[in-house]
Amino acid sequence: MAMNRTNLLIQMAQLPATFEGTPAQLGAEMVRRMQVVSPSGTNFIYVGDTEPTSNVGPWLKDGSKWYVWDDSLKRYVPQDITDSATTWYHIGYSTPASGAPPVWLRTTADYSINNPTYGTPIAWYMFNGTAWVVFNDLVLSGPTASRPPGPMPYQQFYDTDIAVLIWWERGMWRTMAGCPGDIKQVVWQTLAEALLRNPGWQVLGNNIQSWRGRTLSQAAKDTPGSGGTTTLVVDAGLGTWAARATWGETDEVSFDTHVHPPSHDVAIASAVPYPPTIAFWTLEKL
């Protein structure tokens, strides 16, 4: 194998004038007095996970990351290999100076030597030729049986069996629509079907029997004992019902009356006593 020349030099201290010995002893004494030196210092590759505190040559971190010593900062910095590397996308907070490459992952911070982090990812952008425009990925979709196993918090999925966009939130699949405490009515014939089509919802009155089967009205004041002080002003003749209150067990509906003859009252029902009703399942968002 051919050997290459280097700037390394071999120095050897003098043998004493009184030396006597065999050729083998002479060789041993010469080697013992030799050292390898360099007029400009010697750089070798340092391999390890901990950053050296002085210049010990190029540093290979984690077996894949190259660092070099910066004399002004007195520390190791990432090796700049821009000229020999392919840039697939921009990354950072500041708007890229050019549209090449045309993809940008925007984050909450710009990377620097003193703050070597990009922060938190915000959104993907694409350069359309004149400006950077944000774009979104399509969510995974499929039947109920194909929902991702072990989903991450806030992972989304479009369930084609129930035609609903859902996400994994607070330990269960829930509809994207609706906030905790929202109420809605659905037309399914069975409660099981209504709940199947609305993940993350429960029937209103699930844990409060006295709420079931009732029509809903607007509250006008806070529940007694709740710590609230709200009391809304209402028109004359209206009740200021408290939130979560129930009523109607003993109330009656008054109909129109007509006096004929004057000696007594005859109750005549209106053509439509009160609007005909139809019942739906009333659900509450968990």
Protein backbone atom coordinates (compact mmCIF):
# COMPACT_ATOMS: atom_id res chain seq x y z
CA MET A 1 0.00 0.00 0.00
CA ALA A 2 1.38 3.42 -0.98
CA MET A 3 2.06 5.79 1.91
CA ASN A 4 1.32 9.54 1.84
CA ARG A 5 3.62 12.28 3.02
CA THR A 6 2.50 14.41 5.97
CA ASN A 7 3.80 17.44 7.88
CA LEU A 8 4.61 15.25 10.86
CA LEU A 9 8.26 15.13 11.95
CA ILE A 10 10.20 12.65 14.03
CA GLN A 11 12.54 14.03 16.68
CA MET A 12 15.06 11.95 18.60
CA ALA A 13 17.20 12.88 21.57
CA GLN A 14 20.90 12.13 21.37
CA LEU A 15 22.28 8.87 22.67
CA PRO A 16 24.83 9.24 25.42
CA ALA A 17 28.46 9.16 24.17
CA THR A 18 29.15 6.30 26.52
CA PHE A 19 26.47 4.03 25.04
CA GLU A 20 27.58 0.48 24.45
CA GLY A 21 25.35 -2.39 23.37
CA THR A 22 24.13 -4.72 20.70
CA PRO A 23 22.28 -3.54 17.55
CA ALA A 24 18.99 -4.55 19.16
CA GLN A 25 19.76 -2.49 22.24
CA LEU A 26 20.73 0.45 20.00
CA GLY A 27 17.38 0.26 18.20
CA ALA A 28 15.48 0.12 21.48
CA GLU A 29 17.31 3.15 22.86
CA MET A 30 16.66 5.14 19.66
CA VAL A 31 12.91 4.39 19.72
CA ARG A 32 12.71 5.32 23.39
CA ARG A 33 14.15 8.75 22.59
CA MET A 34 11.89 9.50 19.59
CA GLN A 35 8.68 11.58 19.38
CA VAL A 36 6.34 12.63 16.53
CA VAL A 37 5.82 16.41 16.24
CA SER A 38 4.31 18.90 13.81
CA PRO A 39 5.22 22.54 13.11
CA SER A 40 1.53 23.57 12.81
CA GLY A 41 -0.23 21.29 15.26
CA THR A 42 -1.92 18.01 14.56
CA ASN A 43 -5.66 17.53 14.03
CA PHE A 44 -7.19 14.14 14.58
CA ILE A 45 -10.88 13.17 14.59
CA TYR A 46 -12.56 13.23 17.99
CA VAL A 47 -15.52 10.87 18.37
CA GLY A 48 -17.96 11.20 21.26
CA ASP A 49 -21.28 12.55 22.55
CA THR A 50 -19.85 15.28 24.83
CA GLU A 51 -18.58 18.54 23.32
CA PRO A 52 -14.83 19.02 23.92
CA THR A 53 -13.83 22.22 25.70
CA SER A 54 -10.77 22.84 23.48
CA ASN A 55 -9.73 22.26 19.87
CA VAL A 56 -9.01 18.54 19.50
CA GLY A 57 -9.69 18.40 15.78
CA PRO A 58 -12.92 17.65 13.90
CA TRP A 59 -15.62 16.26 16.17
CA LEU A 60 -17.94 13.47 15.04
CA LYS A 61 -21.01 13.59 17.30
CA ASP A 62 -23.47 10.68 17.54
CA GLY A 63 -21.70 8.99 14.65
CA SER A 64 -23.34 11.26 12.05
CA LYS A 65 -22.90 14.97 12.93
CA TRP A 66 -19.71 16.87 12.11
CA TYR A 67 -18.53 19.86 14.16
CA VAL A 68 -15.43 22.08 13.88
CA TRP A 69 -13.76 24.41 16.36
CA ASP A 70 -14.60 28.11 16.12
CA ASP A 71 -11.72 30.24 17.48
CA SER A 72 -13.94 33.31 17.96
CA LEU A 73 -16.65 31.48 19.93
CA LYS A 74 -14.20 29.11 21.63
CA ARG A 75 -16.54 26.20 21.09
CA TYR A 76 -17.57 23.66 18.46
CA VAL A 77 -20.10 24.63 15.78
CA PRO A 78 -21.86 22.50 13.12
CA GLN A 79 -19.80 21.99 10.00
CA ASP A 80 -21.20 24.01 7.07
CA ILE A 81 -21.70 21.58 4.20
CA THR A 82 -24.17 23.75 2.30
CA ASP A 83 -22.23 23.58 -0.96
CA SER A 84 -22.29 19.78 -0.96
CA ALA A 85 -25.76 19.18 0.48
CA THR A 86 -29.20 19.19 -1.11
CA THR A 87 -31.70 21.52 0.57
CA TRP A 88 -35.11 19.88 0.45
CA TYR A 89 -37.08 22.59 2.25
CA HIS A 90 -36.64 25.77 4.27
CA ILE A 91 -37.17 25.61 8.02
CA GLY A 92 -37.48 28.47 10.52
CA TYR A 93 -39.63 31.44 11.48
CA SER A 94 -38.40 34.09 9.03
CA THR A 95 -39.79 34.14 5.50
CA PRO A 96 -37.25 32.52 3.11
CA ALA A 97 -35.34 34.92 0.89
CA SER A 98 -36.03 32.78 -2.19
CA GLY A 99 -38.59 30.29 -3.47
CA ALA A 100 -36.04 27.54 -4.07
CA PRO A 101 -36.77 24.98 -2.80
CA PRO A 102 -40.48 25.84 -2.97
CA VAL A 103 -41.42 24.22 0.37
CA TRP A 104 -41.11 25.87 3.81
CA LEU A 105 -41.80 24.44 7.26
CA ARG A 106 -42.50 27.48 9.41
CA THR A 107 -41.56 27.23 13.09
CA THR A 108 -41.64 29.54 16.10
CA ALA A 109 -37.89 30.29 16.05
CA ASP A 110 -34.90 30.68 13.75
CA TYR A 111 -31.90 28.41 14.41
CA SER A 112 -28.74 30.10 15.64
CA ILE A 113 -25.48 29.10 17.28
CA ASN A 114 -26.51 30.67 20.58
CA ASN A 115 -30.04 29.21 20.36
CA PRO A 116 -29.75 25.93 18.45
CA THR A 117 -33.46 25.18 18.14
CA TYR A 118 -36.26 25.78 15.67
CA GLY A 119 -38.95 25.90 18.34
CA THR A 120 -42.36 24.42 17.56
CA PRO A 121 -43.64 23.69 14.02
CA ILE A 122 -46.49 25.94 12.90
CA ALA A 123 -47.48 25.14 9.31
CA TRP A 124 -46.30 24.07 5.86
CA TYR A 125 -46.05 26.63 3.06
CA MET A 126 -45.47 26.33 -0.69
CA PHE A 127 -44.11 29.01 -3.02
CA ASN A 128 -46.60 29.57 -5.87
CA GLY A 129 -44.24 31.66 -7.97
CA THR A 130 -44.94 35.00 -6.33
CA ALA A 131 -45.71 34.36 -2.65
CA TRP A 132 -45.66 31.73 0.08
CA VAL A 133 -49.09 30.16 0.63
CA VAL A 134 -50.07 27.84 3.45
CA PHE A 135 -51.35 24.34 2.65
CA ASN A 136 -52.79 21.49 4.70
CA ASP A 137 -52.45 17.75 4.48
CA LEU A 138 -55.41 15.46 3.82
CA VAL A 139 -56.44 13.55 6.93
CA LEU A 140 -56.51 9.77 7.04
CA SER A 141 -59.87 8.20 6.26
CA GLY A 142 -61.56 4.83 6.18
CA PRO A 143 -64.18 2.70 7.92
CA THR A 144 -64.56 2.58 11.68
CA ALA A 145 -62.45 -0.58 11.85
CA SER A 146 -59.52 1.31 10.29
CA ARG A 147 -59.27 4.01 12.93
CA PRO A 148 -55.56 4.41 13.87
CA PRO A 149 -54.57 2.15 16.77
CA GLY A 150 -52.83 3.95 19.62
CA PRO A 151 -53.60 7.43 18.21
CA MET A 152 -51.70 10.53 19.29
CA PRO A 153 -53.60 13.33 21.08
CA TYR A 154 -55.51 15.46 18.52
CA GLN A 155 -54.85 13.03 15.66
CA GLN A 156 -57.64 13.34 13.08
CA PHE A 157 -59.52 10.69 11.13
CA TYR A 158 -62.51 10.81 8.77
CA ASP A 159 -64.75 7.84 9.55
CA THR A 160 -66.46 6.89 6.29
CA ASP A 161 -68.89 4.51 8.03
CA ILE A 162 -70.51 7.37 9.96
CA ALA A 163 -69.42 10.23 7.63
CA VAL A 164 -67.90 12.29 10.45
CA LEU A 165 -64.51 13.95 11.00
CA ILE A 166 -63.26 12.86 14.42
CA TRP A 167 -60.13 13.31 16.49
CA TRP A 168 -58.53 11.63 19.50
CA GLU A 169 -59.05 14.00 22.41
CA ARG A 170 -59.08 13.45 26.18
CA GLY A 171 -58.56 9.73 25.72
CA MET A 172 -61.35 8.95 23.24
CA TRP A 173 -62.56 9.60 19.69
CA ARG A 174 -64.83 12.65 19.52
CA THR A 175 -66.40 14.70 16.74
CA MET A 176 -64.37 17.72 15.64
CA ALA A 177 -67.55 19.81 15.90
CA GLY A 178 -68.98 20.92 19.21
CA CYS A 179 -67.59 22.10 22.53
CA PRO A 180 -68.15 20.45 25.94
CA GLY A 181 -71.66 21.40 27.09
CA ASP A 182 -73.06 21.92 23.58
CA ILE A 183 -76.55 20.49 23.02
CA LYS A 184 -78.06 19.29 19.74
CA GLN A 185 -80.92 17.14 18.49
CA VAL A 186 -80.53 14.27 16.01
CA VAL A 187 -83.13 12.29 14.07
CA TRP A 188 -81.93 8.67 14.47
CA GLN A 189 -84.64 6.19 15.45
CA THR A 190 -82.58 4.50 18.18
CA LEU A 191 -80.31 5.96 20.83
CA ALA A 192 -77.60 3.43 19.93
CA GLU A 193 -77.54 4.72 16.36
CA ALA A 194 -77.53 8.35 17.53
CA LEU A 195 -74.51 7.73 19.78
CA LEU A 196 -72.72 5.68 17.12
CA ARG A 197 -72.98 8.59 14.68
CA ASN A 198 -71.84 11.13 17.26
CA PRO A 199 -68.63 9.97 19.01
CA GLY A 200 -67.91 11.97 22.14
CA TRP A 201 -71.56 12.81 22.87
CA GLN A 202 -74.06 11.40 25.36
CA VAL A 203 -77.81 11.63 25.74
CA LEU A 204 -78.89 14.73 27.65
CA GLY A 205 -79.95 13.44 31.06
CA ASN A 206 -77.53 10.52 30.92
CA ASN A 207 -76.83 10.98 34.63
CA ILE A 208 -79.84 13.13 35.58
CA GLN A 209 -83.11 11.28 35.13
CA SER A 210 -85.27 14.36 35.75
CA TRP A 211 -83.93 15.98 32.56
CA ARG A 212 -85.13 13.22 30.27
CA GLY A 213 -88.12 13.73 27.98
CA ARG A 214 -88.33 17.47 28.64
CA THR A 215 -88.43 20.39 26.24
CA LEU A 216 -85.63 22.92 26.59
CA SER A 217 -85.92 26.55 27.62
CA GLN A 218 -83.52 29.43 28.17
CA ALA A 219 -82.13 30.06 31.65
CA ALA A 220 -82.31 33.61 33.00
CA LYS A 221 -80.16 33.32 36.13
CA ASP A 222 -77.41 31.22 37.65
CA THR A 223 -78.07 28.02 39.55
CA PRO A 224 -78.51 28.75 43.28
CA GLY A 225 -75.39 27.81 45.22
CA SER A 226 -73.16 27.83 42.12
CA GLY A 227 -71.37 31.01 43.16
CA GLY A 228 -72.67 32.99 40.18
CA THR A 229 -74.62 36.26 40.44
CA THR A 230 -76.18 36.56 36.97
CA THR A 231 -79.88 37.44 36.84
CA LEU A 232 -81.16 38.57 33.44
CA VAL A 233 -84.00 41.08 33.08
CA VAL A 234 -86.99 39.51 31.30
CA ASP A 235 -90.33 40.81 30.05
CA ALA A 236 -93.37 40.85 32.31
CA GLY A 237 -95.05 37.50 32.68
CA LEU A 238 -91.91 35.46 32.06
CA GLY A 239 -90.22 33.33 34.67
CA THR A 240 -86.55 33.84 35.49
CA TRP A 241 -85.73 30.15 35.58
CA ALA A 242 -82.33 29.19 36.92
CA ALA A 243 -79.85 27.20 34.85
CA ARG A 244 -80.46 23.43 35.15
CA ALA A 245 -83.86 23.99 36.79
CA THR A 246 -86.80 21.71 35.94
CA TRP A 247 -90.47 22.63 36.09
CA GLY A 248 -93.86 21.74 34.63
CA GLU A 249 -94.85 18.86 36.88
CA THR A 250 -97.93 20.69 38.21
CA ASP A 251 -98.40 23.49 35.66
CA GLU A 252 -101.38 23.49 33.32
CA VAL A 253 -101.89 24.90 29.83
CA SER A 254 -104.59 27.60 29.59
CA PHE A 255 -106.74 27.66 26.46
CA ASP A 256 -108.85 30.42 24.95
CA THR A 257 -112.24 30.93 26.66
CA HIS A 258 -115.55 32.22 25.26
CA VAL A 259 -118.52 33.36 27.43
CA HIS A 260 -121.85 32.05 26.08
CA PRO A 261 -124.33 32.59 27.46
CA PRO A 262 -123.28 35.30 29.98
CA SER A 263 -124.48 33.16 32.86
CA HIS A 264 -121.52 30.76 32.59
CA ASP A 265 -118.13 30.32 30.91
CA VAL A 266 -117.63 27.75 28.22
CA ALA A 267 -114.00 26.85 27.49
CA ILE A 268 -113.43 26.80 23.75
CA ALA A 269 -110.12 25.30 22.63
CA SER A 270 -108.12 27.17 20.02
CA ALA A 271 -107.98 25.71 16.53
CA VAL A 272 -104.35 24.74 17.34
CA PRO A 273 -104.08 24.52 21.15
CA TYR A 274 -100.28 24.70 21.00
CA PRO A 275 -97.81 23.74 18.27
CA PRO A 276 -97.70 20.03 17.47
CA THR A 277 -94.40 18.51 18.60
CA ILE A 278 -92.01 15.85 17.36
CA ALA A 279 -89.36 14.22 19.53
CA PHE A 280 -85.69 13.86 18.66
CA TRP A 281 -82.76 12.51 20.58
CA THR A 282 -81.13 15.38 22.50
CA LEU A 283 -77.37 14.93 22.92
CA GLU A 284 -74.74 16.73 25.00
CA LYS A 285 -71.07 17.06 24.00
CA LEU A 286 -68.76 15.55 26.58
